[in-house]
């Protein structure tokens, strides 16, 4: 587990962007493609905008990137809540990633079918690989959730076989489609991006507290033998042991 502490969200976005540029460049020296799973949320949005800026977009060989998502709100692509729409608006419409390399979680078919279809796409991509994704970017909610692994959703949190699944979330009155821990934990690297004082107590419990994944689902993300990185700002990390 590696920690990267930043002063604020802007500094964190730069750290993650620099880390990604180096990671992509070094990985592509040994293989011909780089697979990454994107996340929704406000912090990834800032990262996307930075990667699409003149300062960064020419540092990445976008033609070799293959884009996936960690989870998706089951709303139409035109809906502002759709994670894929956010990624296109802030990043993918501004960099030259081949369309056939972009794999959204579909919301124009039944949610169960969407999860099954996505798992098949992943199986086809990774069937001869020593790991799954090269990088998975994750956020963490102030309730300790990540992906669509929410507190109390024990079947999803403890899923051991399926790589993707769908679920109903009462608090948001919607279905969601999500990757599960088994596929994420086979990744070469996982990076959590966590900012804000409102997440400090939960982050402390996730990292230093008792293992209670039904309460803090982020605890089930433990890539083996891959790397686990926590990019956090000072506000989010204020309760961690110095």
C-alpha atoms as a PDB file:
ATOM      1  CA  UNK A   1       0.000   0.000   0.000  1.00  0.00           C
ATOM      2  CA  UNK A   2       1.449   3.335  -1.081  1.00  0.00           C
ATOM      3  CA  UNK A   3       0.251   6.787  -0.009  1.00  0.00           C
ATOM      4  CA  UNK A   4       0.514   9.997  -2.008  1.00  0.00           C
ATOM      5  CA  UNK A   5      -0.561  13.029   0.012  1.00  0.00           C
ATOM      6  CA  UNK A   6      -1.425  16.319  -1.687  1.00  0.00           C
ATOM      7  CA  UNK A   7      -2.286  19.755  -0.367  1.00  0.00           C
ATOM      8  CA  UNK A   8      -5.606  19.988  -2.193  1.00  0.00           C
ATOM      9  CA  UNK A   9      -7.665  18.555  -5.058  1.00  0.00           C
ATOM     10  CA  UNK A  10      -5.743  20.458  -7.727  1.00  0.00           C
ATOM     11  CA  UNK A  11      -2.399  19.201  -6.438  1.00  0.00           C
ATOM     12  CA  UNK A  12      -3.788  15.684  -6.182  1.00  0.00           C
ATOM     13  CA  UNK A  13      -4.992  15.788  -9.795  1.00  0.00           C
ATOM     14  CA  UNK A  14      -1.516  16.776 -10.950  1.00  0.00           C
ATOM     15  CA  UNK A  15       0.075  13.979  -8.928  1.00  0.00           C
ATOM     16  CA  UNK A  16      -2.285  11.387 -10.377  1.00  0.00           C
ATOM     17  CA  UNK A  17      -1.840  12.746 -13.920  1.00  0.00           C
ATOM     18  CA  UNK A  18       1.955  12.555 -13.615  1.00  0.00           C
ATOM     19  CA  UNK A  19       1.716   9.054 -12.126  1.00  0.00           C
ATOM     20  CA  UNK A  20      -0.535   7.915 -14.967  1.00  0.00           C
ATOM     21  CA  UNK A  21       1.709   9.376 -17.669  1.00  0.00           C
ATOM     22  CA  UNK A  22       4.708   7.514 -16.255  1.00  0.00           C
ATOM     23  CA  UNK A  23       2.736   4.322 -15.689  1.00  0.00           C
ATOM     24  CA  UNK A  24       1.334   4.276 -19.217  1.00  0.00           C
ATOM     25  CA  UNK A  25       4.693   5.043 -20.807  1.00  0.00           C
ATOM     26  CA  UNK A  26       6.548   2.387 -18.835  1.00  0.00           C
ATOM     27  CA  UNK A  27       3.866  -0.261 -19.362  1.00  0.00           C
ATOM     28  CA  UNK A  28       3.766   0.296 -23.119  1.00  0.00           C
ATOM     29  CA  UNK A  29       7.458  -0.481 -23.315  1.00  0.00           C
ATOM     30  CA  UNK A  30       6.542  -4.102 -22.591  1.00  0.00           C
ATOM     31  CA  UNK A  31       3.090  -4.530 -24.143  1.00  0.00           C
ATOM     32  CA  UNK A  32       1.065  -3.090 -27.002  1.00  0.00           C
ATOM     33  CA  UNK A  33      -1.983  -1.821 -25.107  1.00  0.00           C
ATOM     34  CA  UNK A  34      -2.884  -0.219 -21.798  1.00  0.00           C
ATOM     35  CA  UNK A  35      -6.221  -0.970 -20.137  1.00  0.00           C
ATOM     36  CA  UNK A  36      -7.717   1.453 -17.655  1.00  0.00           C
ATOM     37  CA  UNK A  37     -11.018   1.526 -15.772  1.00  0.00           C
ATOM     38  CA  UNK A  38     -12.353   5.012 -15.126  1.00  0.00           C
ATOM     39  CA  UNK A  39     -14.423   6.269 -12.213  1.00  0.00           C
ATOM     40  CA  UNK A  40     -17.227   8.760 -11.853  1.00  0.00           C
ATOM     41  CA  UNK A  41     -17.288  11.638  -9.391  1.00  0.00           C
ATOM     42  CA  UNK A  42     -15.974  15.169  -8.987  1.00  0.00           C
ATOM     43  CA  UNK A  43     -12.315  14.300  -8.321  1.00  0.00           C
ATOM     44  CA  UNK A  44     -11.935  12.116 -11.456  1.00  0.00           C
ATOM     45  CA  UNK A  45     -13.645  14.887 -13.424  1.00  0.00           C
ATOM     46  CA  UNK A  46     -10.839  17.282 -12.502  1.00  0.00           C
ATOM     47  CA  UNK A  47      -8.276  14.637 -13.446  1.00  0.00           C
ATOM     48  CA  UNK A  48      -9.951  14.119 -16.835  1.00  0.00           C
ATOM     49  CA  UNK A  49      -9.893  17.826 -17.569  1.00  0.00           C
ATOM     50  CA  UNK A  50      -6.209  17.996 -16.707  1.00  0.00           C
ATOM     51  CA  UNK A  51      -5.332  14.981 -18.883  1.00  0.00           C
ATOM     52  CA  UNK A  52      -7.220  16.591 -21.785  1.00  0.00           C
ATOM     53  CA  UNK A  53      -5.347  19.881 -21.370  1.00  0.00           C
ATOM     54  CA  UNK A  54      -2.439  21.009 -23.542  1.00  0.00           C
ATOM     55  CA  UNK A  55      -0.102  20.307 -20.636  1.00  0.00           C
ATOM     56  CA  UNK A  56      -0.805  16.562 -20.654  1.00  0.00           C
ATOM     57  CA  UNK A  57      -2.672  15.243 -23.661  1.00  0.00           C
ATOM     58  CA  UNK A  58       0.432  14.953 -25.842  1.00  0.00           C
ATOM     59  CA  UNK A  59       2.292  12.969 -23.179  1.00  0.00           C
ATOM     60  CA  UNK A  60       0.102   9.875 -23.655  1.00  0.00           C
ATOM     61  CA  UNK A  61      -0.177   7.527 -26.635  1.00  0.00           C
ATOM     62  CA  UNK A  62      -3.969   7.510 -26.644  1.00  0.00           C
ATOM     63  CA  UNK A  63      -4.113   5.139 -29.614  1.00  0.00           C
ATOM     64  CA  UNK A  64      -2.972   2.305 -27.355  1.00  0.00           C
ATOM     65  CA  UNK A  65      -5.374   2.951 -24.482  1.00  0.00           C
ATOM     66  CA  UNK A  66      -8.400   0.728 -23.945  1.00  0.00           C
ATOM     67  CA  UNK A  67     -11.030   2.405 -21.790  1.00  0.00           C
ATOM     68  CA  UNK A  68     -13.417   0.699 -19.376  1.00  0.00           C
ATOM     69  CA  UNK A  69     -15.518   1.815 -16.408  1.00  0.00           C
ATOM     70  CA  UNK A  70     -15.669   0.673 -12.811  1.00  0.00           C
ATOM     71  CA  UNK A  71     -19.401   1.179 -12.514  1.00  0.00           C
ATOM     72  CA  UNK A  72     -22.320   2.950 -14.087  1.00  0.00           C
ATOM     73  CA  UNK A  73     -25.567   4.513 -12.993  1.00  0.00           C
ATOM     74  CA  UNK A  74     -28.315   2.820 -14.977  1.00  0.00           C
ATOM     75  CA  UNK A  75     -29.549   5.996 -16.639  1.00  0.00           C
ATOM     76  CA  UNK A  76     -29.428   6.964 -20.333  1.00  0.00           C
ATOM     77  CA  UNK A  77     -26.111   8.091 -21.802  1.00  0.00           C
ATOM     78  CA  UNK A  78     -27.675  11.536 -22.289  1.00  0.00           C
ATOM     79  CA  UNK A  79     -28.309  11.845 -18.538  1.00  0.00           C
ATOM     80  CA  UNK A  80     -25.828  14.057 -16.679  1.00  0.00           C
ATOM     81  CA  UNK A  81     -25.539  11.384 -13.965  1.00  0.00           C
ATOM     82  CA  UNK A  82     -24.116   8.859 -16.436  1.00  0.00           C
ATOM     83  CA  UNK A  83     -20.438   8.171 -15.692  1.00  0.00           C
ATOM     84  CA  UNK A  84     -19.562   7.462 -19.318  1.00  0.00           C
ATOM     85  CA  UNK A  85     -21.121  10.744 -20.444  1.00  0.00           C
ATOM     86  CA  UNK A  86     -18.989  12.618 -17.899  1.00  0.00           C
ATOM     87  CA  UNK A  87     -15.852  10.893 -19.197  1.00  0.00           C
ATOM     88  CA  UNK A  88     -16.679  11.748 -22.810  1.00  0.00           C
ATOM     89  CA  UNK A  89     -17.513  15.356 -21.953  1.00  0.00           C
ATOM     90  CA  UNK A  90     -14.349  15.938 -19.937  1.00  0.00           C
ATOM     91  CA  UNK A  91     -11.786  13.648 -21.584  1.00  0.00           C
ATOM     92  CA  UNK A  92     -12.671  11.221 -24.366  1.00  0.00           C
ATOM     93  CA  UNK A  93     -14.139  13.810 -26.734  1.00  0.00           C
ATOM     94  CA  UNK A  94     -10.845  15.722 -26.504  1.00  0.00           C
ATOM     95  CA  UNK A  95      -8.196  13.010 -26.977  1.00  0.00           C
ATOM     96  CA  UNK A  96      -7.645  10.549 -29.855  1.00  0.00           C
ATOM     97  CA  UNK A  97      -8.691   7.245 -28.293  1.00  0.00           C
ATOM     98  CA  UNK A  98     -10.031   4.949 -31.065  1.00  0.00           C
ATOM     99  CA  UNK A  99     -13.780   4.448 -30.664  1.00  0.00           C
ATOM    100  CA  UNK A 100     -13.385   0.684 -30.792  1.00  0.00           C
ATOM    101  CA  UNK A 101     -11.145   0.908 -27.709  1.00  0.00           C
ATOM    102  CA  UNK A 102     -13.890   2.476 -25.575  1.00  0.00           C
ATOM    103  CA  UNK A 103     -16.203   0.089 -23.736  1.00  0.00           C
ATOM    104  CA  UNK A 104     -19.104   1.691 -21.906  1.00  0.00           C
ATOM    105  CA  UNK A 105     -21.469  -0.166 -19.610  1.00  0.00           C
ATOM    106  CA  UNK A 106     -24.637  -0.097 -21.659  1.00  0.00           C
ATOM    107  CA  UNK A 107     -27.840   1.333 -20.237  1.00  0.00           C
ATOM    108  CA  UNK A 108     -29.970   0.781 -23.341  1.00  0.00           C
ATOM    109  CA  UNK A 109     -30.512  -2.909 -22.555  1.00  0.00           C
ATOM    110  CA  UNK A 110     -31.803  -4.561 -19.336  1.00  0.00           C
ATOM    111  CA  UNK A 111     -29.360  -4.029 -16.467  1.00  0.00           C
ATOM    112  CA  UNK A 112     -28.828  -7.772 -15.954  1.00  0.00           C
ATOM    113  CA  UNK A 113     -27.901  -8.155 -19.630  1.00  0.00           C
ATOM    114  CA  UNK A 114     -25.588  -5.164 -19.411  1.00  0.00           C
ATOM    115  CA  UNK A 115     -23.639  -6.796 -16.579  1.00  0.00           C
ATOM    116  CA  UNK A 116     -23.398 -10.127 -18.408  1.00  0.00           C
ATOM    117  CA  UNK A 117     -22.307  -8.444 -21.640  1.00  0.00           C
ATOM    118  CA  UNK A 118     -19.619  -6.433 -19.855  1.00  0.00           C
ATOM    119  CA  UNK A 119     -18.250  -9.507 -18.116  1.00  0.00           C
ATOM    120  CA  UNK A 120     -17.911 -11.214 -21.490  1.00  0.00           C
ATOM    121  CA  UNK A 121     -16.052  -8.212 -22.898  1.00  0.00           C
ATOM    122  CA  UNK A 122     -13.634  -8.377 -19.966  1.00  0.00           C
ATOM    123  CA  UNK A 123     -13.191 -12.128 -20.298  1.00  0.00           C
ATOM    124  CA  UNK A 124     -12.326 -11.721 -23.983  1.00  0.00           C
ATOM    125  CA  UNK A 125      -9.779  -8.991 -23.207  1.00  0.00           C
ATOM    126  CA  UNK A 126      -8.032 -10.671 -20.331  1.00  0.00           C
ATOM    127  CA  UNK A 127      -8.235 -14.406 -21.045  1.00  0.00           C
ATOM    128  CA  UNK A 128      -4.511 -14.650 -21.874  1.00  0.00           C
ATOM    129  CA  UNK A 129      -3.295 -11.993 -19.435  1.00  0.00           C
ATOM    130  CA  UNK A 130      -1.336 -12.354 -16.230  1.00  0.00           C
ATOM    131  CA  UNK A 131      -3.540  -9.615 -14.742  1.00  0.00           C
ATOM    132  CA  UNK A 132      -6.722  -7.772 -15.636  1.00  0.00           C
ATOM    133  CA  UNK A 133      -6.601  -3.962 -15.865  1.00  0.00           C
ATOM    134  CA  UNK A 134      -3.315  -2.119 -15.936  1.00  0.00           C
ATOM    135  CA  UNK A 135      -4.900   0.583 -13.773  1.00  0.00           C
ATOM    136  CA  UNK A 136      -8.244   0.923 -12.019  1.00  0.00           C
ATOM    137  CA  UNK A 137      -9.129   4.412 -10.794  1.00  0.00           C
ATOM    138  CA  UNK A 138     -11.492   4.432  -7.828  1.00  0.00           C
ATOM    139  CA  UNK A 139     -13.214   6.968  -5.655  1.00  0.00           C
ATOM    140  CA  UNK A 140     -14.511   6.479  -2.130  1.00  0.00           C
ATOM    141  CA  UNK A 141     -17.758   7.920  -0.851  1.00  0.00           C
ATOM    142  CA  UNK A 142     -18.169   9.418   2.596  1.00  0.00           C
ATOM    143  CA  UNK A 143     -20.055   6.214   3.481  1.00  0.00           C
ATOM    144  CA  UNK A 144     -17.027   4.084   2.574  1.00  0.00           C
ATOM    145  CA  UNK A 145     -18.413   2.744  -0.700  1.00  0.00           C
ATOM    146  CA  UNK A 146     -16.397   2.322  -3.858  1.00  0.00           C
ATOM    147  CA  UNK A 147     -17.567   1.278  -7.319  1.00  0.00           C
ATOM    148  CA  UNK A 148     -21.215   0.339  -6.636  1.00  0.00           C
ATOM    149  CA  UNK A 149     -20.249  -1.652  -3.557  1.00  0.00           C
ATOM    150  CA  UNK A 150     -22.413   0.102  -0.987  1.00  0.00           C
ATOM    151  CA  UNK A 151     -22.700  -0.551   2.766  1.00  0.00           C
ATOM    152  CA  UNK A 152     -25.168  -3.341   3.454  1.00  0.00           C
ATOM    153  CA  UNK A 153     -25.119  -4.727  -0.096  1.00  0.00           C
ATOM    154  CA  UNK A 154     -23.456  -7.897   1.141  1.00  0.00           C
ATOM    155  CA  UNK A 155     -24.071 -10.020  -1.965  1.00  0.00           C
ATOM    156  CA  UNK A 156     -22.247  -7.487  -4.122  1.00  0.00           C
ATOM    157  CA  UNK A 157     -19.525  -6.729  -1.589  1.00  0.00           C
ATOM    158  CA  UNK A 158     -18.654 -10.401  -1.105  1.00  0.00           C
ATOM    159  CA  UNK A 159     -19.125 -11.552  -4.704  1.00  0.00           C
ATOM    160  CA  UNK A 160     -16.355 -14.033  -5.510  1.00  0.00           C
ATOM    161  CA  UNK A 161     -17.175 -15.356  -8.987  1.00  0.00           C
ATOM    162  CA  UNK A 162     -18.832 -12.717 -11.145  1.00  0.00           C
ATOM    163  CA  UNK A 163     -16.654  -9.941 -12.510  1.00  0.00           C
ATOM    164  CA  UNK A 164     -19.662  -7.665 -13.025  1.00  0.00           C
ATOM    165  CA  UNK A 165     -23.127  -7.492 -11.549  1.00  0.00           C
ATOM    166  CA  UNK A 166     -26.107  -5.166 -11.262  1.00  0.00           C
ATOM    167  CA  UNK A 167     -28.028  -4.024  -8.221  1.00  0.00           C
ATOM    168  CA  UNK A 168     -30.868  -1.789  -7.100  1.00  0.00           C
ATOM    169  CA  UNK A 169     -29.945   1.126  -4.835  1.00  0.00           C
ATOM    170  CA  UNK A 170     -32.896   2.458  -2.824  1.00  0.00           C
ATOM    171  CA  UNK A 171     -31.136   5.659  -1.773  1.00  0.00           C
ATOM    172  CA  UNK A 172     -30.693   6.692  -5.413  1.00  0.00           C
ATOM    173  CA  UNK A 173     -33.865   5.069  -6.757  1.00  0.00           C
ATOM    174  CA  UNK A 174     -31.959   3.409  -9.594  1.00  0.00           C
ATOM    175  CA  UNK A 175     -30.155   0.314 -10.758  1.00  0.00           C
ATOM    176  CA  UNK A 176     -26.395   0.325 -11.115  1.00  0.00           C
ATOM    177  CA  UNK A 177     -23.941  -1.898 -12.994  1.00  0.00           C
ATOM    178  CA  UNK A 178     -20.566  -2.493 -11.376  1.00  0.00           C
ATOM    179  CA  UNK A 179     -17.287  -4.338 -11.435  1.00  0.00           C
ATOM    180  CA  UNK A 180     -16.765  -6.544  -8.404  1.00  0.00           C
ATOM    181  CA  UNK A 181     -13.772  -7.147  -6.168  1.00  0.00           C
ATOM    182  CA  UNK A 182     -12.460 -10.276  -7.959  1.00  0.00           C
ATOM    183  CA  UNK A 183     -11.721  -8.523 -11.258  1.00  0.00           C
ATOM    184  CA  UNK A 184     -10.396  -5.348  -9.617  1.00  0.00           C
ATOM    185  CA  UNK A 185      -8.141  -7.297  -7.268  1.00  0.00           C
ATOM    186  CA  UNK A 186      -6.476  -8.978 -10.232  1.00  0.00           C
ATOM    187  CA  UNK A 187      -5.387  -5.605 -11.634  1.00  0.00           C
ATOM    188  CA  UNK A 188      -1.773  -4.529 -11.932  1.00  0.00           C
ATOM    189  CA  UNK A 189      -2.540  -1.352  -9.988  1.00  0.00           C
ATOM    190  CA  UNK A 190      -5.497   0.232  -8.216  1.00  0.00           C
ATOM    191  CA  UNK A 191      -5.534   3.914  -7.328  1.00  0.00           C
ATOM    192  CA  UNK A 192      -8.028   5.451  -4.927  1.00  0.00           C
ATOM    193  CA  UNK A 193      -8.573   9.220  -5.266  1.00  0.00           C
ATOM    194  CA  UNK A 194      -9.985  10.641  -2.033  1.00  0.00           C
ATOM    195  CA  UNK A 195     -10.397  14.298  -1.113  1.00  0.00           C
ATOM    196  CA  UNK A 196     -12.163  16.350   1.535  1.00  0.00           C
ATOM    197  CA  UNK A 197     -12.442  16.545   5.316  1.00  0.00           C
ATOM    198  CA  UNK A 198     -15.880  14.896   5.137  1.00  0.00           C
ATOM    199  CA  UNK A 199     -14.122  11.622   4.261  1.00  0.00           C
ATOM    200  CA  UNK A 200     -11.388  11.770   6.907  1.00  0.00           C
ATOM    201  CA  UNK A 201     -13.109   9.638   9.556  1.00  0.00           C
ATOM    202  CA  UNK A 202     -14.248   6.972   7.110  1.00  0.00           C
ATOM    203  CA  UNK A 203     -10.835   6.865   5.428  1.00  0.00           C
ATOM    204  CA  UNK A 204      -9.233   6.310   8.827  1.00  0.00           C
ATOM    205  CA  UNK A 205     -11.607   3.408   9.504  1.00  0.00           C
ATOM    206  CA  UNK A 206     -11.108   1.889   6.056  1.00  0.00           C
ATOM    207  CA  UNK A 207      -7.317   1.893   6.306  1.00  0.00           C
ATOM    208  CA  UNK A 208      -6.569   1.585  10.011  1.00  0.00           C
ATOM    209  CA  UNK A 209      -9.775   0.216  11.513  1.00  0.00           C
ATOM    210  CA  UNK A 210     -11.198  -3.257  11.962  1.00  0.00           C
ATOM    211  CA  UNK A 211     -12.005  -5.181   8.773  1.00  0.00           C
ATOM    212  CA  UNK A 212     -15.749  -4.599   8.376  1.00  0.00           C
ATOM    213  CA  UNK A 213     -16.477  -4.566   4.644  1.00  0.00           C
ATOM    214  CA  UNK A 214     -20.252  -4.665   5.138  1.00  0.00           C
ATOM    215  CA  UNK A 215     -19.842  -1.219   6.716  1.00  0.00           C
ATOM    216  CA  UNK A 216     -16.812  -0.017   4.720  1.00  0.00           C
ATOM    217  CA  UNK A 217     -16.905  -1.804   1.336  1.00  0.00           C
ATOM    218  CA  UNK A 218     -13.691  -0.132   0.148  1.00  0.00           C
ATOM    219  CA  UNK A 219     -11.846  -2.546   2.421  1.00  0.00           C
ATOM    220  CA  UNK A 220     -12.435  -5.457  -0.004  1.00  0.00           C
ATOM    221  CA  UNK A 221     -10.195  -3.831  -2.617  1.00  0.00           C
ATOM    222  CA  UNK A 222      -6.872  -5.553  -2.031  1.00  0.00           C
ATOM    223  CA  UNK A 223      -5.046  -6.207  -5.308  1.00  0.00           C
ATOM    224  CA  UNK A 224      -2.766  -9.242  -5.137  1.00  0.00           C
ATOM    225  CA  UNK A 225      -0.046  -9.173  -6.307  1.00  0.00           C
ATOM    226  CA  UNK A 226      -0.866  -5.779  -7.824  1.00  0.00           C
ATOM    227  CA  UNK A 227      -0.170  -2.382  -6.300  1.00  0.00           C
ATOM    228  CA  UNK A 228      -2.593  -0.375  -4.165  1.00  0.00           C
ATOM    229  CA  UNK A 229      -2.166   3.399  -4.221  1.00  0.00           C
ATOM    230  CA  UNK A 230      -4.039   5.961  -2.144  1.00  0.00           C
ATOM    231  CA  UNK A 231      -3.948   9.496  -3.540  1.00  0.00           C
ATOM    232  CA  UNK A 232      -5.407  11.665  -0.788  1.00  0.00           C
ATOM    233  CA  UNK A 233      -5.398  15.331   0.112  1.00  0.00           C
ATOM    234  CA  UNK A 234      -4.393  16.627   3.520  1.00  0.00           C
ATOM    235  CA  UNK A 235      -8.005  17.162   4.595  1.00  0.00           C
ATOM    236  CA  UNK A 236      -9.000  13.559   3.866  1.00  0.00           C
ATOM    237  CA  UNK A 237      -5.899  12.213   5.597  1.00  0.00           C
ATOM    238  CA  UNK A 238      -6.089  14.283   8.762  1.00  0.00           C
ATOM    239  CA  UNK A 239      -7.109  11.321  10.987  1.00  0.00           C
ATOM    240  CA  UNK A 240      -4.521   8.858   9.690  1.00  0.00           C
ATOM    241  CA  UNK A 241      -1.535   7.982  11.840  1.00  0.00           C
ATOM    242  CA  UNK A 242       1.396  10.218  11.051  1.00  0.00           C
END
